[in-house]
Amino acid sequence: MWIEHVDKLIGALGPFGFLVLGVAAMLEYVVPPFPGDTIVLMGGIYAVRGEKPWWLVLVVVTAGSVLGAFINYSVGQWLAKRFEANPGHSFFGLTHARLESVQARMRRAGPWLLLVNRFLPGIRGVIFIAAGAARMPRFNALVLGTVSALAHSGTIIALGMAVGGNLERLTVLVTRYQYAAIGLVVVAGLGFGVRALARRRASPVEQSSSSRGPFLP
């Protein structure tokens, strides 16, 4: 099991094992498929074993998350600048019109998305890219990201402590957590998709009825 190998690696590194925890939290933003939550869970196990103070693990993984968020925010700013310089081009399949739509949505719901971003696997990094592209204040975005990271990492470390240092139980717990989180994201995505489709189907009907005028059948 790869978790056991990571456990041995962190244990062999001693104090430098904190670096692995921080980098794992950062990579979750930069490389979304990376299983950083699993490694953060292991931080709770180390706290139970007495190998690493839980509060120091929390500080390290939170700092790693904020660093990853900052990198993605900077990528969003870069994309916005590229579109301003070349509005007729598309970058990574993103058009200027699509970017403007994303910017409008982030200005409306951005603070709430940033506040819960750490609990949204797979799309948490995209949220900060969108925040950077929407020119949201960097300080505000990172503060909200820090609050989210503290809440999420604290919960994950507590779960790691709850399994009492048992790697087998940790594996089961991680699998259930990831399935539940991904399931919630999929359900939310389907809900937004159905809502958008319903609006598109309704808009032609509204336009047709309005074009007839108030006195026409």
C-alpha atoms as a PDB file:
ATOM      1  CA  MET A   1       0.000   0.000   0.000  1.00  0.00           C
ATOM      2  CA  TRP A   2       1.446   3.364  -1.039  1.00  0.00           C
ATOM      3  CA  ILE A   3       0.319   4.959   2.232  1.00  0.00           C
ATOM      4  CA  GLU A   4       2.698   2.701   4.139  1.00  0.00           C
ATOM      5  CA  HIS A   5       5.588   3.759   1.898  1.00  0.00           C
ATOM      6  CA  VAL A   6       4.784   7.441   2.439  1.00  0.00           C
ATOM      7  CA  ASP A   7       4.534   6.796   6.173  1.00  0.00           C
ATOM      8  CA  LYS A   8       8.012   5.247   6.211  1.00  0.00           C
ATOM      9  CA  LEU A   9       9.402   8.086   4.069  1.00  0.00           C
ATOM     10  CA  ILE A  10       8.074  10.808   6.358  1.00  0.00           C
ATOM     11  CA  GLY A  11       9.288   8.912   9.413  1.00  0.00           C
ATOM     12  CA  ALA A  12      12.771   8.510   7.913  1.00  0.00           C
ATOM     13  CA  LEU A  13      13.006  12.224   7.083  1.00  0.00           C
ATOM     14  CA  GLY A  14      12.532  13.286  10.677  1.00  0.00           C
ATOM     15  CA  PRO A  15      11.883  17.062  10.953  1.00  0.00           C
ATOM     16  CA  PHE A  16      12.014  17.319   7.154  1.00  0.00           C
ATOM     17  CA  GLY A  17       8.892  15.160   7.065  1.00  0.00           C
ATOM     18  CA  PHE A  18       6.955  18.380   7.626  1.00  0.00           C
ATOM     19  CA  LEU A  19       8.132  19.453   4.194  1.00  0.00           C
ATOM     20  CA  VAL A  20       6.370  16.444   2.648  1.00  0.00           C
ATOM     21  CA  LEU A  21       3.112  17.386   4.396  1.00  0.00           C
ATOM     22  CA  GLY A  22       3.336  21.008   3.244  1.00  0.00           C
ATOM     23  CA  VAL A  23       4.214  20.144  -0.346  1.00  0.00           C
ATOM     24  CA  ALA A  24       1.381  17.589  -0.474  1.00  0.00           C
ATOM     25  CA  ALA A  25      -1.135  20.244   0.596  1.00  0.00           C
ATOM     26  CA  MET A  26       0.244  22.634  -2.036  1.00  0.00           C
ATOM     27  CA  LEU A  27       0.150  20.066  -4.848  1.00  0.00           C
ATOM     28  CA  GLU A  28      -3.559  19.461  -4.250  1.00  0.00           C
ATOM     29  CA  TYR A  29      -4.157  22.904  -5.748  1.00  0.00           C
ATOM     30  CA  VAL A  30      -1.556  22.820  -8.497  1.00  0.00           C
ATOM     31  CA  VAL A  31      -2.101  19.147  -9.468  1.00  0.00           C
ATOM     32  CA  PRO A  32      -5.735  18.330  -8.505  1.00  0.00           C
ATOM     33  CA  PRO A  33      -5.488  14.504  -8.850  1.00  0.00           C
ATOM     34  CA  PHE A  34      -2.717  14.462  -6.229  1.00  0.00           C
ATOM     35  CA  PRO A  35      -4.043  12.696  -3.068  1.00  0.00           C
ATOM     36  CA  GLY A  36      -2.941  15.377  -0.620  1.00  0.00           C
ATOM     37  CA  ASP A  37      -5.882  14.816   1.736  1.00  0.00           C
ATOM     38  CA  THR A  38      -4.588  11.331   2.471  1.00  0.00           C
ATOM     39  CA  ILE A  39      -1.174  12.615   3.488  1.00  0.00           C
ATOM     40  CA  VAL A  40      -2.737  15.363   5.612  1.00  0.00           C
ATOM     41  CA  LEU A  41      -4.777  12.668   7.371  1.00  0.00           C
ATOM     42  CA  MET A  42      -1.503  10.994   8.221  1.00  0.00           C
ATOM     43  CA  GLY A  43      -0.554  14.157  10.114  1.00  0.00           C
ATOM     44  CA  GLY A  44      -3.273  13.299  12.624  1.00  0.00           C
ATOM     45  CA  ILE A  45      -1.806   9.837  13.009  1.00  0.00           C
ATOM     46  CA  TYR A  46       1.617  11.298  13.770  1.00  0.00           C
ATOM     47  CA  ALA A  47       0.014  13.460  16.429  1.00  0.00           C
ATOM     48  CA  VAL A  48      -1.501  10.358  18.072  1.00  0.00           C
ATOM     49  CA  ARG A  49       1.836   8.588  17.953  1.00  0.00           C
ATOM     50  CA  GLY A  50       3.515  11.568  19.543  1.00  0.00           C
ATOM     51  CA  GLU A  51       5.880  11.913  16.579  1.00  0.00           C
ATOM     52  CA  LYS A  52       4.759  15.411  15.500  1.00  0.00           C
ATOM     53  CA  PRO A  53       2.717  18.078  17.351  1.00  0.00           C
ATOM     54  CA  TRP A  54      -0.762  18.389  15.831  1.00  0.00           C
ATOM     55  CA  TRP A  55      -0.656  22.190  15.899  1.00  0.00           C
ATOM     56  CA  LEU A  56       2.600  22.236  13.933  1.00  0.00           C
ATOM     57  CA  VAL A  57       1.145  19.816  11.381  1.00  0.00           C
ATOM     58  CA  LEU A  58      -1.872  22.132  11.073  1.00  0.00           C
ATOM     59  CA  VAL A  59       0.338  25.184  10.498  1.00  0.00           C
ATOM     60  CA  VAL A  60       2.450  23.411   7.870  1.00  0.00           C
ATOM     61  CA  VAL A  61      -0.412  21.976   5.806  1.00  0.00           C
ATOM     62  CA  THR A  62      -2.332  25.267   5.988  1.00  0.00           C
ATOM     63  CA  ALA A  63       0.729  27.147   4.745  1.00  0.00           C
ATOM     64  CA  GLY A  64       1.095  24.624   1.914  1.00  0.00           C
ATOM     65  CA  SER A  65      -2.553  25.081   0.935  1.00  0.00           C
ATOM     66  CA  VAL A  66      -2.248  28.881   0.908  1.00  0.00           C
ATOM     67  CA  LEU A  67       0.893  28.662  -1.221  1.00  0.00           C
ATOM     68  CA  GLY A  68      -0.922  26.446  -3.731  1.00  0.00           C
ATOM     69  CA  ALA A  69      -3.855  28.863  -3.758  1.00  0.00           C
ATOM     70  CA  PHE A  70      -1.480  31.777  -4.392  1.00  0.00           C
ATOM     71  CA  ILE A  71       0.089  29.958  -7.351  1.00  0.00           C
ATOM     72  CA  ASN A  72      -3.313  29.313  -8.914  1.00  0.00           C
ATOM     73  CA  TYR A  73      -4.434  32.890  -8.253  1.00  0.00           C
ATOM     74  CA  SER A  74      -1.322  34.100 -10.087  1.00  0.00           C
ATOM     75  CA  VAL A  75      -2.151  31.788 -13.007  1.00  0.00           C
ATOM     76  CA  GLY A  76      -5.600  33.397 -13.183  1.00  0.00           C
ATOM     77  CA  GLN A  77      -4.069  36.867 -13.273  1.00  0.00           C
ATOM     78  CA  TRP A  78      -1.738  35.775 -16.065  1.00  0.00           C
ATOM     79  CA  LEU A  79      -4.676  34.432 -18.083  1.00  0.00           C
ATOM     80  CA  ALA A  80      -6.583  37.696 -17.670  1.00  0.00           C
ATOM     81  CA  LYS A  81      -3.588  39.678 -18.908  1.00  0.00           C
ATOM     82  CA  ARG A  82      -3.189  37.401 -21.923  1.00  0.00           C
ATOM     83  CA  PHE A  83      -6.836  37.916 -22.866  1.00  0.00           C
ATOM     84  CA  GLU A  84      -6.511  41.680 -22.477  1.00  0.00           C
ATOM     85  CA  ALA A  85      -3.534  41.662 -24.828  1.00  0.00           C
ATOM     86  CA  ASN A  86      -5.133  39.197 -27.309  1.00  0.00           C
ATOM     87  CA  PRO A  87      -8.933  39.268 -26.839  1.00  0.00           C
ATOM     88  CA  GLY A  88      -9.546  37.325 -30.044  1.00  0.00           C
ATOM     89  CA  HIS A  89      -7.466  34.311 -29.021  1.00  0.00           C
ATOM     90  CA  SER A  90      -8.361  31.379 -26.793  1.00  0.00           C
ATOM     91  CA  PHE A  91      -6.069  29.889 -24.165  1.00  0.00           C
ATOM     92  CA  PHE A  92      -6.389  26.307 -22.917  1.00  0.00           C
ATOM     93  CA  GLY A  93      -9.808  26.168 -24.615  1.00  0.00           C
ATOM     94  CA  LEU A  94     -11.012  29.263 -22.751  1.00  0.00           C
ATOM     95  CA  THR A  95     -12.431  32.104 -24.860  1.00  0.00           C
ATOM     96  CA  HIS A  96     -12.657  35.770 -23.923  1.00  0.00           C
ATOM     97  CA  ALA A  97     -16.466  35.551 -23.701  1.00  0.00           C
ATOM     98  CA  ARG A  98     -16.201  32.566 -21.383  1.00  0.00           C
ATOM     99  CA  LEU A  99     -13.684  34.413 -19.228  1.00  0.00           C
ATOM    100  CA  GLU A 100     -16.056  37.367 -18.886  1.00  0.00           C
ATOM    101  CA  SER A 101     -18.806  34.975 -17.781  1.00  0.00           C
ATOM    102  CA  VAL A 102     -16.500  33.434 -15.170  1.00  0.00           C
ATOM    103  CA  GLN A 103     -15.479  36.889 -13.952  1.00  0.00           C
ATOM    104  CA  ALA A 104     -19.111  37.933 -13.516  1.00  0.00           C
ATOM    105  CA  ARG A 105     -19.909  34.800 -11.523  1.00  0.00           C
ATOM    106  CA  MET A 106     -16.855  35.180  -9.303  1.00  0.00           C
ATOM    107  CA  ARG A 107     -17.813  38.763  -8.483  1.00  0.00           C
ATOM    108  CA  ARG A 108     -21.208  37.503  -7.311  1.00  0.00           C
ATOM    109  CA  ALA A 109     -20.384  34.247  -5.545  1.00  0.00           C
ATOM    110  CA  GLY A 110     -16.579  34.401  -5.309  1.00  0.00           C
ATOM    111  CA  PRO A 111     -16.232  35.049  -1.547  1.00  0.00           C
ATOM    112  CA  TRP A 112     -18.462  32.085  -0.661  1.00  0.00           C
ATOM    113  CA  LEU A 113     -16.667  29.794  -3.095  1.00  0.00           C
ATOM    114  CA  LEU A 114     -13.296  30.811  -1.674  1.00  0.00           C
ATOM    115  CA  LEU A 115     -14.554  30.211   1.842  1.00  0.00           C
ATOM    116  CA  VAL A 116     -15.511  26.587   1.106  1.00  0.00           C
ATOM    117  CA  ASN A 117     -12.969  25.866  -1.642  1.00  0.00           C
ATOM    118  CA  ARG A 118     -10.815  23.531   0.461  1.00  0.00           C
ATOM    119  CA  PHE A 119     -13.760  21.179   0.875  1.00  0.00           C
ATOM    120  CA  LEU A 120     -14.290  20.870  -2.899  1.00  0.00           C
ATOM    121  CA  PRO A 121     -11.855  18.264  -4.275  1.00  0.00           C
ATOM    122  CA  GLY A 122     -10.946  18.537  -7.918  1.00  0.00           C
ATOM    123  CA  ILE A 123     -12.161  22.114  -8.386  1.00  0.00           C
ATOM    124  CA  ARG A 124     -10.594  23.933  -5.439  1.00  0.00           C
ATOM    125  CA  GLY A 125      -7.638  25.035  -7.553  1.00  0.00           C
ATOM    126  CA  VAL A 126      -9.882  26.226 -10.390  1.00  0.00           C
ATOM    127  CA  ILE A 127     -11.702  28.520  -7.959  1.00  0.00           C
ATOM    128  CA  PHE A 128      -8.498  30.445  -7.242  1.00  0.00           C
ATOM    129  CA  ILE A 129      -7.631  30.610 -10.932  1.00  0.00           C
ATOM    130  CA  ALA A 130     -11.075  32.143 -11.496  1.00  0.00           C
ATOM    131  CA  ALA A 131     -10.516  34.549  -8.588  1.00  0.00           C
ATOM    132  CA  GLY A 132      -7.251  35.741 -10.107  1.00  0.00           C
ATOM    133  CA  ALA A 133      -8.828  36.088 -13.548  1.00  0.00           C
ATOM    134  CA  ALA A 134     -11.705  38.090 -12.030  1.00  0.00           C
ATOM    135  CA  ARG A 135      -9.211  40.473 -10.387  1.00  0.00           C
ATOM    136  CA  MET A 136     -10.574  39.814  -6.917  1.00  0.00           C
ATOM    137  CA  PRO A 137      -8.371  41.483  -4.271  1.00  0.00           C
ATOM    138  CA  ARG A 138      -5.472  39.117  -3.656  1.00  0.00           C
ATOM    139  CA  PHE A 139      -5.367  39.780   0.093  1.00  0.00           C
ATOM    140  CA  ASN A 140      -9.086  39.053   0.522  1.00  0.00           C
ATOM    141  CA  ALA A 141      -8.874  35.906  -1.590  1.00  0.00           C
ATOM    142  CA  LEU A 142      -5.933  34.508   0.369  1.00  0.00           C
ATOM    143  CA  VAL A 143      -7.485  35.373   3.738  1.00  0.00           C
ATOM    144  CA  LEU A 144     -10.647  33.477   2.801  1.00  0.00           C
ATOM    145  CA  GLY A 145      -8.486  30.658   1.470  1.00  0.00           C
ATOM    146  CA  THR A 146      -6.576  30.537   4.761  1.00  0.00           C
ATOM    147  CA  VAL A 147      -9.794  30.299   6.787  1.00  0.00           C
ATOM    148  CA  SER A 148     -10.999  27.490   4.529  1.00  0.00           C
ATOM    149  CA  ALA A 149      -7.667  25.669   4.749  1.00  0.00           C
ATOM    150  CA  LEU A 150      -7.601  25.921   8.551  1.00  0.00           C
ATOM    151  CA  ALA A 151     -11.131  24.525   8.854  1.00  0.00           C
ATOM    152  CA  HIS A 152     -10.501  21.706   6.389  1.00  0.00           C
ATOM    153  CA  SER A 153      -7.036  20.739   7.650  1.00  0.00           C
ATOM    154  CA  GLY A 154      -8.228  20.837  11.260  1.00  0.00           C
ATOM    155  CA  THR A 155     -11.073  18.482  10.389  1.00  0.00           C
ATOM    156  CA  ILE A 156      -8.800  16.145   8.437  1.00  0.00           C
ATOM    157  CA  ILE A 157      -6.190  16.018  11.202  1.00  0.00           C
ATOM    158  CA  ALA A 158      -8.921  15.305  13.750  1.00  0.00           C
ATOM    159  CA  LEU A 159     -10.099  12.398  11.597  1.00  0.00           C
ATOM    160  CA  GLY A 160      -6.544  11.113  11.437  1.00  0.00           C
ATOM    161  CA  MET A 161      -6.312  11.282  15.223  1.00  0.00           C
ATOM    162  CA  ALA A 162      -9.656   9.484  15.496  1.00  0.00           C
ATOM    163  CA  VAL A 163      -8.314   6.369  13.793  1.00  0.00           C
ATOM    164  CA  GLY A 164      -5.718   6.079  16.535  1.00  0.00           C
ATOM    165  CA  GLY A 165      -2.636   5.650  14.377  1.00  0.00           C
ATOM    166  CA  ASN A 166      -4.066   2.684  12.449  1.00  0.00           C
ATOM    167  CA  LEU A 167      -3.052   2.896   8.770  1.00  0.00           C
ATOM    168  CA  GLU A 168      -5.601   0.281   7.707  1.00  0.00           C
ATOM    169  CA  ARG A 169      -8.470   2.240   9.227  1.00  0.00           C
ATOM    170  CA  LEU A 170      -7.003   5.374   7.690  1.00  0.00           C
ATOM    171  CA  THR A 171      -7.161   3.819   4.220  1.00  0.00           C
ATOM    172  CA  VAL A 172     -10.853   2.949   4.651  1.00  0.00           C
ATOM    173  CA  LEU A 173     -11.593   6.408   6.054  1.00  0.00           C
ATOM    174  CA  VAL A 174      -9.816   8.165   3.190  1.00  0.00           C
ATOM    175  CA  THR A 175     -11.663   6.132   0.572  1.00  0.00           C
ATOM    176  CA  ARG A 176     -15.047   6.940   2.101  1.00  0.00           C
ATOM    177  CA  TYR A 177     -14.176  10.611   2.476  1.00  0.00           C
ATOM    178  CA  GLN A 178     -13.022  10.967  -1.117  1.00  0.00           C
ATOM    179  CA  TYR A 179     -16.076   9.178  -2.520  1.00  0.00           C
ATOM    180  CA  ALA A 180     -18.400  11.319  -0.403  1.00  0.00           C
ATOM    181  CA  ALA A 181     -16.674  14.573  -1.376  1.00  0.00           C
ATOM    182  CA  ILE A 182     -16.576  13.720  -5.078  1.00  0.00           C
ATOM    183  CA  GLY A 183     -20.202  12.614  -4.916  1.00  0.00           C
ATOM    184  CA  LEU A 184     -21.247  15.969  -3.452  1.00  0.00           C
ATOM    185  CA  VAL A 185     -19.345  17.837  -6.173  1.00  0.00           C
ATOM    186  CA  VAL A 186     -20.967  15.694  -8.899  1.00  0.00           C
ATOM    187  CA  VAL A 187     -24.454  16.230  -7.450  1.00  0.00           C
ATOM    188  CA  ALA A 188     -23.867  19.984  -7.215  1.00  0.00           C
ATOM    189  CA  GLY A 189     -22.545  20.050 -10.796  1.00  0.00           C
ATOM    190  CA  LEU A 190     -25.587  18.164 -12.063  1.00  0.00           C
ATOM    191  CA  GLY A 191     -27.853  20.541 -10.189  1.00  0.00           C
ATOM    192  CA  PHE A 192     -26.243  23.598 -11.775  1.00  0.00           C
ATOM    193  CA  GLY A 193     -26.340  21.907 -15.182  1.00  0.00           C
ATOM    194  CA  VAL A 194     -30.053  21.123 -14.942  1.00  0.00           C
ATOM    195  CA  ARG A 195     -30.750  24.661 -13.756  1.00  0.00           C
ATOM    196  CA  ALA A 196     -28.811  26.186 -16.661  1.00  0.00           C
ATOM    197  CA  LEU A 197     -30.560  23.889 -19.162  1.00  0.00           C
ATOM    198  CA  ALA A 198     -33.966  24.832 -17.778  1.00  0.00           C
ATOM    199  CA  ARG A 199     -33.138  28.517 -18.126  1.00  0.00           C
ATOM    200  CA  ARG A 200     -32.039  28.069 -21.736  1.00  0.00           C
ATOM    201  CA  ARG A 201     -35.251  26.240 -22.630  1.00  0.00           C
ATOM    202  CA  ALA A 202     -37.372  28.848 -20.899  1.00  0.00           C
ATOM    203  CA  SER A 203     -35.708  31.882 -22.479  1.00  0.00           C
ATOM    204  CA  PRO A 204     -36.929  31.257 -26.100  1.00  0.00           C
ATOM    205  CA  VAL A 205     -40.492  30.882 -24.794  1.00  0.00           C
ATOM    206  CA  GLU A 206     -40.203  34.175 -22.903  1.00  0.00           C
ATOM    207  CA  GLN A 207     -38.758  35.949 -25.932  1.00  0.00           C
ATOM    208  CA  SER A 208     -41.508  34.564 -28.199  1.00  0.00           C
ATOM    209  CA  SER A 209     -44.294  35.664 -25.888  1.00  0.00           C
ATOM    210  CA  SER A 210     -42.787  39.113 -25.393  1.00  0.00           C
ATOM    211  CA  SER A 211     -42.408  39.616 -29.175  1.00  0.00           C
ATOM    212  CA  ARG A 212     -46.165  39.153 -29.668  1.00  0.00           C
ATOM    213  CA  GLY A 213     -46.930  42.126 -27.559  1.00  0.00           C
ATOM    214  CA  PRO A 214     -49.299  42.424 -24.566  1.00  0.00           C
ATOM    215  CA  PHE A 215     -52.471  42.444 -26.703  1.00  0.00           C
ATOM    216  CA  LEU A 216     -51.680  39.562 -29.067  1.00  0.00           C
ATOM    217  CA  PRO A 217     -52.672  35.927 -28.312  1.00  0.00           C
END
